[in-house]
């Protein structure tokens, strides 16, 4: 098959499987959907993304002169920001994507149709689209996440430990700034980032990273877990 299009049970999230049977992660999918609206639909309306979503959107925003708004995790932040900014698209790391003027809520079926239209317009398979996007952006992007269990009584201690963690360098990259909007997100000078936050729906500590070097993914995740003092094998 050329592509697999999958939704969750209620159809509000999209998953894409490429022609090799490999999952196209959500951050690459949102990057491709943003590219679709900027390049093929010709939109110059803003884009909205959560803290856990790809830096590819910022780079696309720079290339197409489009504002990209970063908000907290969850549709409760994405949808109002889209309304206020008149944004064409919003999305989150969980695979939920929102489009204007469709409706201010996630729709995996519509997202899948947009992805198929992108394939048709470019004449490319999903893996070829990802390679094309990386070439367009001038670099690759690699994402992963740890979901770590912890004792409930340790939550305040973990949060205090991360709050006090203010490194100037992480794995050889300069820390440009930290965002404390929803957890603690560290932005690095090579467009990589590391985010440590408690899940809003489960008793888990989540450590996320996106980096421009595949070899650094595990290292950055381990650094984040270590900073929180939570054992990697606990999730």
Foldseek 3Di string as FASTA:
>chain_A
DQKDWDAPPVQQFIWIAGPVRHTDALQLLVLLLLCLCVPPVVDQFAEEEEPQHAPSSVLVCVVSVHHYHYAHDDLVTFLVVCVVRVHQKYDYRVRFIDGPPPPSGGGSVVSVVSVVVSCVVVVDGPVVSQVVSCVVSVFHKDKDKAWAADDPVCVVVLLVLLVPDDDQDDPRWGFPDWDPNAAIKTQTPQRKIWGWHADPPDRTIMIMIMDRDPVCHVVRSVVVCVSSPTDRVRD
